[in-house]
Amino acid sequence: MPIIVRLDVMLALRKVRSKELAADIGITEANLSLLKSGKVKGIRFATLEAICERLQCQPGDLLEYAPDDGSATVDESLTGAAGSP
């Protein structure tokens, strides 16, 4: 998946334990663990907001886009430029 969750990095930088964050934002440790591992399909904006507020960070500090190898960029897929001379 091209979206990488960097929550574990931000937790380490802020010296906050997962258990503490889960309690502070009102979600289970199991759900936080799934989020950290990237095994979720989505996240509620309210949850993202609570994480950002607690860790004093921006959503971009927690999520990274890394396109899969060999995939066309958005511009190439829209214009059909991929593979053109």
N, C-alpha and C. Protein backbone atom coordinates (compact mmCIF):
# COMPACT_ATOMS: atom_id res chain seq x y z
N MET A 1 0.85 -1.18 0.00
CA MET A 1 0.00 0.00 0.00
C MET A 1 0.89 1.24 0.00
N PRO A 2 0.56 2.22 -0.79
CA PRO A 2 1.43 3.40 -0.90
C PRO A 2 1.34 4.38 0.26
N ILE A 3 0.43 4.17 1.22
CA ILE A 3 0.37 5.04 2.40
C ILE A 3 1.09 4.34 3.55
N ILE A 4 2.09 5.02 4.10
CA ILE A 4 2.88 4.47 5.20
C ILE A 4 2.52 5.25 6.47
N VAL A 5 2.20 4.52 7.53
CA VAL A 5 1.85 5.14 8.81
C VAL A 5 3.12 5.28 9.63
N ARG A 6 3.44 6.49 10.04
CA ARG A 6 4.65 6.80 10.81
C ARG A 6 4.32 7.14 12.27
N LEU A 7 3.22 6.61 12.77
CA LEU A 7 2.81 6.90 14.14
C LEU A 7 3.85 6.44 15.15
N ASP A 8 4.44 5.28 14.91
CA ASP A 8 5.45 4.78 15.84
C ASP A 8 6.65 5.73 15.96
N VAL A 9 7.02 6.35 14.86
CA VAL A 9 8.13 7.31 14.86
C VAL A 9 7.77 8.52 15.71
N MET A 10 6.56 9.04 15.53
CA MET A 10 6.14 10.22 16.28
C MET A 10 6.00 9.90 17.77
N LEU A 11 5.52 8.71 18.09
CA LEU A 11 5.44 8.30 19.50
C LEU A 11 6.83 8.28 20.12
N ALA A 12 7.80 7.75 19.40
CA ALA A 12 9.16 7.71 19.92
C ALA A 12 9.74 9.11 20.09
N LEU A 13 9.50 9.97 19.11
CA LEU A 13 10.02 11.34 19.20
C LEU A 13 9.42 12.10 20.38
N ARG A 14 8.13 11.85 20.65
CA ARG A 14 7.43 12.55 21.73
C ARG A 14 7.56 11.82 23.07
N LYS A 15 8.21 10.64 23.04
CA LYS A 15 8.39 9.81 24.24
C LYS A 15 7.06 9.51 24.92
N VAL A 16 6.11 9.08 24.09
CA VAL A 16 4.77 8.71 24.56
C VAL A 16 4.57 7.23 24.25
N ARG A 17 4.08 6.49 25.21
CA ARG A 17 3.81 5.06 25.00
C ARG A 17 2.45 4.89 24.31
N SER A 18 2.34 3.83 23.55
CA SER A 18 1.08 3.53 22.86
C SER A 18 -0.09 3.44 23.84
N LYS A 19 0.13 2.79 24.96
CA LYS A 19 -0.91 2.63 25.97
C LYS A 19 -1.40 3.99 26.46
N GLU A 20 -0.47 4.90 26.67
CA GLU A 20 -0.81 6.25 27.14
C GLU A 20 -1.61 7.01 26.07
N LEU A 21 -1.16 6.94 24.82
CA LEU A 21 -1.88 7.62 23.74
C LEU A 21 -3.28 7.08 23.59
N ALA A 22 -3.42 5.76 23.60
CA ALA A 22 -4.74 5.14 23.46
C ALA A 22 -5.69 5.63 24.55
N ALA A 23 -5.21 5.67 25.77
CA ALA A 23 -6.05 6.14 26.88
C ALA A 23 -6.40 7.61 26.72
N ASP A 24 -5.43 8.41 26.31
CA ASP A 24 -5.64 9.86 26.18
C ASP A 24 -6.65 10.22 25.09
N ILE A 25 -6.67 9.44 24.00
CA ILE A 25 -7.55 9.80 22.88
C ILE A 25 -8.83 8.96 22.84
N GLY A 26 -8.93 7.98 23.74
CA GLY A 26 -10.17 7.22 23.86
C GLY A 26 -10.37 6.11 22.85
N ILE A 27 -9.28 5.43 22.45
CA ILE A 27 -9.43 4.25 21.60
C ILE A 27 -8.73 3.08 22.29
N THR A 28 -9.02 1.89 21.84
CA THR A 28 -8.41 0.72 22.46
C THR A 28 -6.96 0.58 22.01
N GLU A 29 -6.17 -0.07 22.84
CA GLU A 29 -4.78 -0.34 22.48
C GLU A 29 -4.71 -1.21 21.23
N ALA A 30 -5.67 -2.12 21.10
CA ALA A 30 -5.70 -3.00 19.92
C ALA A 30 -5.91 -2.19 18.65
N ASN A 31 -6.84 -1.24 18.68
CA ASN A 31 -7.08 -0.42 17.49
C ASN A 31 -5.89 0.48 17.19
N LEU A 32 -5.23 0.99 18.22
CA LEU A 32 -4.04 1.81 18.00
C LEU A 32 -2.93 0.97 17.39
N SER A 33 -2.80 -0.27 17.85
CA SER A 33 -1.80 -1.17 17.30
C SER A 33 -2.05 -1.45 15.83
N LEU A 34 -3.31 -1.66 15.46
CA LEU A 34 -3.67 -1.88 14.05
C LEU A 34 -3.34 -0.64 13.22
N LEU A 35 -3.60 0.53 13.77
CA LEU A 35 -3.28 1.77 13.07
C LEU A 35 -1.78 1.91 12.88
N LYS A 36 -1.01 1.66 13.93
CA LYS A 36 0.45 1.77 13.85
C LYS A 36 1.04 0.83 12.81
N SER A 37 0.45 -0.35 12.69
CA SER A 37 0.99 -1.35 11.76
C SER A 37 0.52 -1.12 10.32
N GLY A 38 -0.40 -0.18 10.12
CA GLY A 38 -0.90 0.11 8.78
C GLY A 38 -1.93 -0.90 8.29
N LYS A 39 -2.50 -1.67 9.20
CA LYS A 39 -3.46 -2.71 8.82
C LYS A 39 -4.90 -2.21 8.80
N VAL A 40 -5.09 -0.91 8.77
CA VAL A 40 -6.43 -0.36 8.70
C VAL A 40 -6.67 0.22 7.31
N LYS A 41 -7.93 0.28 6.94
CA LYS A 41 -8.29 0.84 5.63
C LYS A 41 -8.56 2.33 5.70
N GLY A 42 -8.77 2.85 6.91
CA GLY A 42 -9.07 4.27 7.06
C GLY A 42 -8.96 4.69 8.51
N ILE A 43 -9.08 5.99 8.70
CA ILE A 43 -9.04 6.56 10.05
C ILE A 43 -10.04 7.72 10.08
N ARG A 44 -10.78 7.81 11.14
CA ARG A 44 -11.72 8.92 11.29
C ARG A 44 -10.94 10.21 11.52
N PHE A 45 -11.44 11.28 10.94
CA PHE A 45 -10.78 12.57 11.13
C PHE A 45 -10.74 12.95 12.61
N ALA A 46 -11.76 12.60 13.37
CA ALA A 46 -11.78 12.91 14.80
C ALA A 46 -10.63 12.19 15.52
N THR A 47 -10.35 10.96 15.12
CA THR A 47 -9.24 10.21 15.72
C THR A 47 -7.91 10.82 15.31
N LEU A 48 -7.78 11.15 14.03
CA LEU A 48 -6.56 11.79 13.54
C LEU A 48 -6.33 13.12 14.25
N GLU A 49 -7.40 13.88 14.41
CA GLU A 49 -7.30 15.16 15.12
C GLU A 49 -6.84 14.96 16.56
N ALA A 50 -7.39 13.97 17.24
CA ALA A 50 -7.02 13.71 18.64
C ALA A 50 -5.56 13.29 18.75
N ILE A 51 -5.10 12.46 17.81
CA ILE A 51 -3.70 12.04 17.82
C ILE A 51 -2.79 13.24 17.60
N CYS A 52 -3.13 14.06 16.61
CA CYS A 52 -2.31 15.24 16.31
C CYS A 52 -2.30 16.22 17.49
N GLU A 53 -3.44 16.39 18.13
CA GLU A 53 -3.51 17.30 19.27
C GLU A 53 -2.64 16.77 20.41
N ARG A 54 -2.75 15.48 20.71
CA ARG A 54 -2.00 14.89 21.82
C ARG A 54 -0.50 14.89 21.56
N LEU A 55 -0.10 14.59 20.31
CA LEU A 55 1.33 14.51 19.98
C LEU A 55 1.89 15.83 19.46
N GLN A 56 1.03 16.84 19.36
CA GLN A 56 1.42 18.16 18.86
C GLN A 56 2.17 18.03 17.53
N CYS A 57 1.44 17.48 16.55
CA CYS A 57 2.02 17.26 15.23
C CYS A 57 0.97 17.52 14.16
N GLN A 58 1.36 17.40 12.92
CA GLN A 58 0.48 17.55 11.77
C GLN A 58 0.18 16.17 11.18
N PRO A 59 -0.95 16.01 10.48
CA PRO A 59 -1.25 14.72 9.85
C PRO A 59 -0.10 14.23 8.95
N GLY A 60 0.57 15.14 8.29
CA GLY A 60 1.69 14.76 7.42
C GLY A 60 2.88 14.19 8.18
N ASP A 61 2.94 14.44 9.49
CA ASP A 61 3.98 13.84 10.31
C ASP A 61 3.69 12.37 10.59
N LEU A 62 2.43 11.99 10.43
CA LEU A 62 1.99 10.62 10.75
C LEU A 62 1.81 9.75 9.52
N LEU A 63 1.54 10.36 8.38
CA LEU A 63 1.25 9.62 7.16
C LEU A 63 2.19 10.04 6.05
N GLU A 64 2.64 9.06 5.28
CA GLU A 64 3.55 9.34 4.16
C GLU A 64 3.04 8.60 2.92
N TYR A 65 3.13 9.25 1.79
CA TYR A 65 2.76 8.61 0.52
C TYR A 65 4.03 8.16 -0.19
N ALA A 66 4.10 6.87 -0.49
CA ALA A 66 5.22 6.31 -1.22
C ALA A 66 4.65 5.44 -2.33
N PRO A 67 4.67 5.95 -3.58
CA PRO A 67 4.07 5.17 -4.67
C PRO A 67 4.75 3.82 -4.86
N ASP A 68 3.95 2.85 -5.28
CA ASP A 68 4.49 1.53 -5.57
C ASP A 68 5.48 1.62 -6.73
N ASP A 69 6.48 0.74 -6.76
CA ASP A 69 7.44 0.72 -7.86
C ASP A 69 6.74 0.42 -9.18
N GLY A 70 7.11 1.15 -10.22
CA GLY A 70 6.57 0.91 -11.54
C GLY A 70 5.22 1.55 -11.80
N SER A 71 4.70 2.28 -10.85
CA SER A 71 3.40 2.90 -11.08
C SER A 71 3.58 4.27 -11.72
N ALA A 72 2.62 4.65 -12.52
CA ALA A 72 2.66 5.96 -13.18
C ALA A 72 2.32 7.04 -12.18
N THR A 73 2.83 8.22 -12.40
CA THR A 73 2.46 9.35 -11.56
C THR A 73 1.06 9.80 -11.93
N VAL A 74 0.46 10.62 -11.11
CA VAL A 74 -0.90 11.10 -11.38
C VAL A 74 -0.93 11.82 -12.73
N ASP A 75 0.04 12.69 -12.97
CA ASP A 75 0.07 13.44 -14.23
C ASP A 75 0.18 12.51 -15.43
N GLU A 76 1.03 11.49 -15.32
CA GLU A 76 1.20 10.56 -16.44
C GLU A 76 -0.07 9.77 -16.70
N SER A 77 -0.76 9.35 -15.64
CA SER A 77 -1.96 8.55 -15.84
C SER A 77 -3.10 9.40 -16.40
N LEU A 78 -3.12 10.69 -16.06
CA LEU A 78 -4.18 11.54 -16.58
C LEU A 78 -3.93 11.97 -18.03
N THR A 79 -2.67 12.14 -18.39
CA THR A 79 -2.36 12.65 -19.73
C THR A 79 -2.01 11.53 -20.69
N GLY A 80 -1.79 10.32 -20.18
CA GLY A 80 -1.38 9.24 -21.04
C GLY A 80 0.06 9.36 -21.49
N ALA A 81 0.87 10.13 -20.75
CA ALA A 81 2.25 10.40 -21.15
C ALA A 81 3.20 9.24 -20.85
N ALA A 82 2.80 8.32 -20.01
CA ALA A 82 3.69 7.22 -19.67
C ALA A 82 4.01 6.40 -20.92
N GLY A 83 5.26 6.19 -21.14
CA GLY A 83 5.70 5.40 -22.28
C GLY A 83 5.74 6.16 -23.59
N SER A 84 5.39 7.43 -23.59
CA SER A 84 5.43 8.22 -24.81
C SER A 84 6.85 8.69 -25.07
N PRO A 85 7.27 8.77 -26.37
CA PRO A 85 8.63 9.23 -26.66
C PRO A 85 8.81 10.70 -26.39
